[in-house]
Protein backbone atom coordinates (compact mmCIF):
# COMPACT_ATOMS: atom_id res chain seq x y z
CA MET A 1 0.09 0.07 -0.09
CA ASN A 2 1.43 3.70 -0.69
CA PRO A 3 2.70 4.99 2.82
CA GLU A 4 0.57 8.10 2.12
CA HIS A 5 -2.68 6.15 1.78
CA ALA A 6 -1.59 3.94 5.00
CA LEU A 7 -0.81 6.71 6.76
CA LYS A 8 -4.38 8.45 6.03
CA ASP A 9 -6.02 4.88 6.62
CA PHE A 10 -4.27 4.87 9.95
CA ILE A 11 -5.59 8.39 10.85
CA SER A 12 -9.00 7.52 10.11
CA ALA A 13 -9.39 4.38 11.76
CA CYS A 14 -7.84 5.86 15.15
CA GLN A 15 -10.02 9.17 14.78
CA ALA A 16 -13.23 6.39 14.45
CA ARG A 17 -11.65 4.41 17.29
CA VAL A 18 -11.20 7.58 19.77
CA GLU A 19 -14.55 8.93 18.97
CA THR A 20 -16.24 5.82 20.03
CA ALA A 21 -13.98 5.63 23.22
CA LEU A 22 -14.64 9.20 24.21
CA ASP A 23 -18.28 8.98 23.77
CA ALA A 24 -18.43 5.96 26.00
CA ARG A 25 -16.52 7.50 28.73
CA LEU A 26 -18.65 10.76 28.73
CA PRO A 27 -21.52 11.10 30.80
CA ALA A 28 -24.28 10.37 29.19
CA ILE A 29 -26.61 13.77 27.55
CA ASN A 30 -29.33 13.45 30.02
CA LYS A 31 -27.58 12.78 33.07
CA ILE A 32 -28.15 15.27 35.65
CA PRO A 33 -26.72 18.06 35.75
CA GLU A 34 -27.80 18.00 32.32
CA ARG A 35 -26.27 21.25 30.72
CA LEU A 36 -23.14 20.56 32.13
CA HIS A 37 -22.70 17.14 30.42
CA GLN A 38 -23.92 18.54 27.21
CA ALA A 39 -21.43 21.09 27.12
CA MET A 40 -18.56 18.79 28.12
CA ARG A 41 -19.69 16.41 24.89
CA TYR A 42 -19.99 19.40 22.84
CA SER A 43 -16.64 20.65 23.25
CA THR A 44 -15.05 16.84 22.88
CA LEU A 45 -16.96 14.87 19.99
CA GLU A 46 -17.29 15.39 16.50
CA GLY A 47 -14.08 17.36 16.00
CA GLY A 48 -10.25 18.19 16.02
CA LYS A 49 -7.50 16.44 14.34
CA ARG A 50 -7.09 13.96 17.51
CA MET A 51 -3.18 14.59 17.41
CA ARG A 52 -2.42 13.66 20.86
CA PRO A 53 -4.47 10.19 20.59
CA LEU A 54 -2.86 9.23 17.24
CA LEU A 55 0.43 9.51 19.18
CA ILE A 56 -0.58 7.30 21.51
CA TYR A 57 -1.65 4.63 19.14
CA ALA A 58 1.11 5.34 16.97
CA THR A 59 3.68 4.68 19.74
CA GLY A 60 1.47 1.47 20.83
CA HIS A 61 1.84 0.10 17.37
CA ALA A 62 5.81 0.55 17.50
CA LEU A 63 5.66 -1.31 20.79
CA ASP A 64 3.32 -3.98 19.44
CA LEU A 65 0.94 -2.85 22.23
CA PRO A 66 -3.24 -4.26 21.66
CA GLN A 67 -4.93 -1.00 21.02
CA ASP A 68 -7.69 -1.83 23.59
CA ILE A 69 -4.93 -0.85 26.63
CA LEU A 70 -4.55 2.70 24.52
CA ASP A 71 -7.88 3.60 24.43
CA GLY A 72 -8.31 4.49 28.13
CA PRO A 73 -4.84 6.53 28.02
CA ALA A 74 -6.24 8.51 24.64
CA CYS A 75 -9.40 9.62 26.23
CA ALA A 76 -7.67 11.32 29.07
CA VAL A 77 -5.17 12.96 26.84
CA GLU A 78 -7.85 14.42 24.95
CA PHE A 79 -10.49 15.50 27.71
CA ILE A 80 -6.83 17.45 29.20
CA HIS A 81 -6.65 18.70 25.68
CA VAL A 82 -10.44 19.80 25.35
CA TYR A 83 -10.45 21.19 28.61
CA SER A 84 -7.28 23.36 27.84
CA LEU A 85 -9.03 24.57 24.81
CA ILE A 86 -12.36 25.49 26.36
CA HIS A 87 -10.61 27.38 29.01
CA ASP A 88 -8.15 28.99 26.47
CA ASP A 89 -11.06 30.48 24.30
CA LEU A 90 -12.56 32.06 27.41
CA PRO A 91 -12.98 35.97 27.61
CA ALA A 92 -10.63 36.45 30.33
CA MET A 93 -7.81 34.71 28.25
CA ASP A 94 -7.85 34.23 24.51
CA ASN A 95 -11.24 35.25 23.97
CA ASP A 96 -12.13 33.54 20.93
CA ASP A 97 -15.77 32.71 19.35
CA LEU A 98 -14.69 29.87 17.02
CA ARG A 99 -12.95 26.07 17.78
CA ARG A 100 -12.67 23.35 16.02
CA GLY A 101 -15.03 24.97 13.29
CA LYS A 102 -18.17 25.54 15.88
CA PRO A 103 -18.72 28.08 18.64
CA THR A 104 -16.69 27.91 21.14
CA CYS A 105 -18.28 26.40 24.72
CA HIS A 106 -18.64 29.66 26.29
CA LYS A 107 -20.68 30.89 23.14
CA ALA A 108 -22.79 27.81 22.83
CA TYR A 109 -23.27 27.74 26.56
CA ASP A 110 -22.32 30.66 28.82
CA GLU A 111 -19.35 31.44 30.27
CA ALA A 112 -20.03 29.55 33.54
CA THR A 113 -20.90 26.45 31.95
CA ALA A 114 -17.73 26.64 30.15
CA ILE A 115 -15.66 26.86 33.25
CA LEU A 116 -17.43 23.90 35.13
CA ALA A 117 -17.22 22.20 31.29
CA GLY A 118 -13.71 22.07 31.51
CA ASP A 119 -13.57 21.29 35.01
CA GLY A 120 -15.31 18.00 34.51
CA LEU A 121 -13.36 17.20 31.79
CA GLN A 122 -10.14 17.79 33.41
CA ALA A 123 -11.43 15.68 36.53
CA LEU A 124 -12.62 12.92 34.44
CA ALA A 125 -9.21 12.25 32.49
CA PHE A 126 -7.72 11.29 36.05
CA HIS A 127 -10.51 8.82 36.76
CA VAL A 128 -10.19 7.07 33.31
CA LEU A 129 -6.59 6.88 34.21
CA ALA A 130 -7.12 5.70 37.58
CA GLY A 131 -10.04 3.21 37.44
CA ASP A 132 -10.75 2.04 33.73
CA PRO A 133 -10.40 -1.58 33.36
CA SER A 134 -9.08 -1.61 29.88
CA ILE A 135 -5.93 -0.15 30.85
CA ALA A 136 -4.26 -3.56 32.07
CA VAL A 137 -0.92 -2.60 33.54
CA PRO A 138 0.50 -3.19 36.76
CA ALA A 139 -0.34 -0.88 39.39
CA GLU A 140 2.90 1.07 39.25
CA ASN A 141 2.38 1.71 35.75
CA ARG A 142 -0.87 3.08 35.98
CA ILE A 143 0.21 5.43 38.83
CA GLY A 144 2.97 6.49 36.48
CA MET A 145 0.45 7.05 33.81
CA ILE A 146 -1.36 9.61 36.37
CA GLU A 147 1.98 11.21 37.38
CA ALA A 148 2.87 11.63 33.88
CA LEU A 149 -0.62 13.34 33.00
CA ALA A 150 -0.43 15.59 35.85
CA THR A 151 2.49 16.95 35.78
CA ALA A 152 2.37 17.55 32.17
CA SER A 153 -1.03 19.40 32.80
CA GLY A 154 -0.31 21.61 35.47
CA SER A 155 2.12 24.76 36.76
CA CYS A 156 5.38 23.29 35.39
CA GLY A 157 3.52 22.02 32.07
CA MET A 158 0.63 23.08 30.11
CA VAL A 159 -0.96 25.44 32.68
CA GLY A 160 2.50 27.05 33.12
CA GLY A 161 3.11 27.53 29.68
CA GLN A 162 -0.35 29.33 29.13
CA ALA A 163 0.23 31.49 32.30
CA ILE A 164 3.88 32.58 30.86
CA ASP A 165 2.05 32.62 27.31
CA LEU A 166 -0.82 35.58 28.68
CA ASP A 167 2.23 37.40 30.64
CA SER A 168 4.30 37.46 27.48
CA VAL A 169 1.55 39.61 25.34
CA GLY A 170 3.09 42.94 23.93
CA LYS A 171 6.43 41.87 25.27
CA ALA A 172 9.47 40.65 23.36
CA LEU A 173 10.74 37.03 23.93
CA ASP A 174 13.90 35.66 22.62
CA LEU A 175 14.03 32.07 21.31
CA PRO A 176 15.21 30.14 24.44
CA GLY A 177 12.15 31.99 26.09
CA LEU A 178 9.76 31.09 23.75
CA GLU A 179 10.90 27.58 23.69
CA ASN A 180 10.54 27.34 27.19
CA MET A 181 6.98 28.44 26.82
CA HIS A 182 5.79 26.28 24.06
CA ILE A 183 7.70 23.08 25.70
CA ARG A 184 5.46 23.77 28.30
CA LYS A 185 2.21 25.04 26.80
CA THR A 186 1.55 22.55 23.81
CA GLY A 187 5.03 20.24 23.72
CA ALA A 188 4.16 18.70 27.74
CA LEU A 189 1.10 17.34 26.77
CA ILE A 190 2.06 16.10 23.18
CA ARG A 191 5.19 14.51 25.26
CA ALA A 192 2.77 12.98 27.80
CA SER A 193 0.88 11.33 25.10
CA VAL A 194 4.24 9.12 24.14
CA ARG A 195 4.97 8.53 27.45
CA LEU A 196 1.44 7.37 28.41
CA ALA A 197 1.68 4.48 25.75
CA ALA A 198 5.38 3.95 26.95
CA LEU A 199 3.97 3.17 30.38
CA ALA A 200 1.20 0.51 28.98
CA LYS A 201 4.44 -1.71 27.99
CA PRO A 202 5.45 -3.24 31.28
CA ASN A 203 9.53 -3.58 31.70
CA LEU A 204 9.99 -1.35 28.52
CA ALA A 205 13.80 -0.73 28.52
CA LYS A 206 14.92 2.88 29.87
CA GLU A 207 16.64 3.47 26.83
CA THR A 208 13.66 3.03 24.69
CA ALA A 209 11.43 5.18 26.65
CA ASP A 210 13.93 7.96 26.58
CA LYS A 211 14.25 7.83 22.92
CA LEU A 212 10.55 7.64 22.25
CA ASP A 213 10.46 10.61 24.63
CA HIS A 214 13.18 12.65 22.76
CA TYR A 215 10.81 12.06 19.66
CA ALA A 216 8.01 13.71 21.63
CA LYS A 217 9.85 16.35 22.73
CA CYS A 218 10.61 17.50 18.93
CA VAL A 219 7.33 16.74 17.73
CA GLY A 220 5.41 18.74 20.32
CA LEU A 221 7.71 21.65 19.48
CA ALA A 222 7.29 21.55 15.59
CA PHE A 223 3.77 21.35 16.27
CA GLN A 224 3.55 24.64 17.71
CA ILE A 225 5.80 26.03 15.37
CA GLN A 226 3.67 24.98 12.36
CA ASP A 227 0.51 26.17 14.50
CA ASP A 228 2.34 29.67 14.49
CA ILE A 229 3.25 29.38 10.97
CA LEU A 230 -0.43 28.50 9.98
CA ASP A 231 -1.77 31.54 11.97
CA VAL A 232 -0.16 33.81 9.19
CA GLU A 233 -0.26 31.61 6.39
CA SER A 234 -4.17 29.75 6.54
CA ASP A 235 -7.44 31.07 7.00
CA THR A 236 -10.02 30.86 9.39
CA GLN A 237 -12.39 28.45 7.60
CA THR A 238 -9.34 25.95 6.83
CA LEU A 239 -7.98 26.34 10.56
CA GLY A 240 -12.02 26.20 12.29
CA LYS A 241 -10.83 28.63 14.26
CA THR A 242 -9.76 32.60 14.12
CA GLN A 243 -6.70 32.79 11.98
CA GLY A 244 -4.45 35.88 12.84
CA LYS A 245 -5.26 35.73 16.59
CA ASP A 246 -1.58 35.46 17.59
CA GLN A 247 -1.03 39.04 15.71
CA GLU A 248 -4.15 40.49 17.05
CA ASN A 249 -3.20 39.82 20.37
CA ASP A 250 0.39 40.69 20.17
CA LYS A 251 1.49 37.32 20.98
CA PRO A 252 5.48 36.26 20.52
CA THR A 253 5.45 33.51 17.93
CA TYR A 254 8.12 31.84 15.83
CA PRO A 255 7.62 33.71 12.39
CA ALA A 256 7.34 36.90 14.45
CA LEU A 257 10.94 36.19 16.06
CA LEU A 258 12.38 34.29 13.13
CA GLY A 259 10.44 35.09 10.04
CA LEU A 260 8.41 32.83 8.13
CA ALA A 261 11.24 30.84 6.35
CA GLY A 262 13.30 31.01 9.39
CA ALA A 263 9.94 29.45 11.31
CA LYS A 264 10.00 26.82 8.49
CA GLU A 265 13.43 25.78 8.87
CA LYS A 266 13.41 25.39 12.45
CA ALA A 267 10.08 23.05 12.22
CA ALA A 268 12.05 20.89 9.29
CA ASP A 269 15.01 20.94 11.91
CA LEU A 270 13.03 19.33 14.71
CA HIS A 271 11.61 16.81 12.40
CA GLU A 272 14.84 15.36 11.45
CA GLN A 273 15.47 15.24 14.98
CA ALA A 274 12.67 13.10 15.68
CA LEU A 275 13.15 10.98 13.19
CA ALA A 276 16.88 10.49 14.21
CA SER A 277 15.23 9.58 17.32
CA LEU A 278 13.53 6.71 16.05
CA SER A 279 16.81 5.20 14.03
CA ASP A 280 17.07 2.38 15.99
CA PHE A 281 13.38 1.37 15.50
CA GLY A 282 11.91 -0.68 12.78
CA GLU A 283 8.80 -0.69 10.67
CA LYS A 284 6.75 -0.62 13.37
CA ALA A 285 7.50 2.50 13.86
CA GLN A 286 6.56 4.21 10.50
CA TYR A 287 3.49 5.77 11.70
CA LEU A 288 5.54 7.92 14.27
CA ARG A 289 7.77 8.99 11.46
CA GLU A 290 4.78 9.83 9.15
CA LEU A 291 3.39 11.70 11.83
CA SER A 292 6.11 13.70 12.44
CA SER A 293 6.41 14.50 8.79
CA PHE A 294 2.43 15.11 8.78
CA ILE A 295 2.95 17.58 11.91
CA VAL A 296 5.15 19.69 10.18
CA GLN A 297 3.06 19.63 6.69
CA ARG A 298 -0.40 20.14 7.70
CA ARG A 299 -2.62 23.22 6.50
CA SER A 300 -4.90 22.90 9.75
């Protein structure tokens, strides 16, 4: 099969799989309190690239893991991601009206419900990791998953990156400062995705886990650089969110610091580093390699 077609088939299959898994783990639409649960489902289902779950399934493929064992971690990381999007879009944060091609949660419902929907999804993520019976791993690995996602989500990870981002509006960041912000804001959760899959493999060699982690670190930063590039080059309809928002909000970005050509060169370099991290992996890691390429070439 053509590698491009193989990747498209893999992405489609994983997206369909995680959609079913998310639907099964979210509270029912008629479960009290109905409006809150409707908002949680509205923001989570039927939208998004599901890049973090894709990385979980691709890492699992590289490690010869059954997909059943990865459904819980894939849902947990997506619940955290969606919670972060709901809160990022709030008037007190990025104040955006569009997400994944539809009105943001606080526009479709109201601001208080959106805040609570994000809170509910955050708690649900850890409920899944703590007790989902499909995560058939030793207790220490399950605890490791909870720790990895908590660290990636907290003040030293995603939330901390968002705080730096808000504090950096209108300010000039140098390259190390910008990288530090995005390693936390975007990279930490992408890195955790690969880590969760690695923890689903009992007794995985530390050297193997470290190589996967370096791959994820490179891919996470490349993903954000491409996001910055698309905010300049793409359009609102293609992105499914408001184009040009970073420039409008006077945020520091890679194109602003390095220029568009420099930002593209940086993303390409990170892609090459990601591939180098997988040099000792065989054909089973091909989806990870192709996802890295997809991340730096995507148009939305």
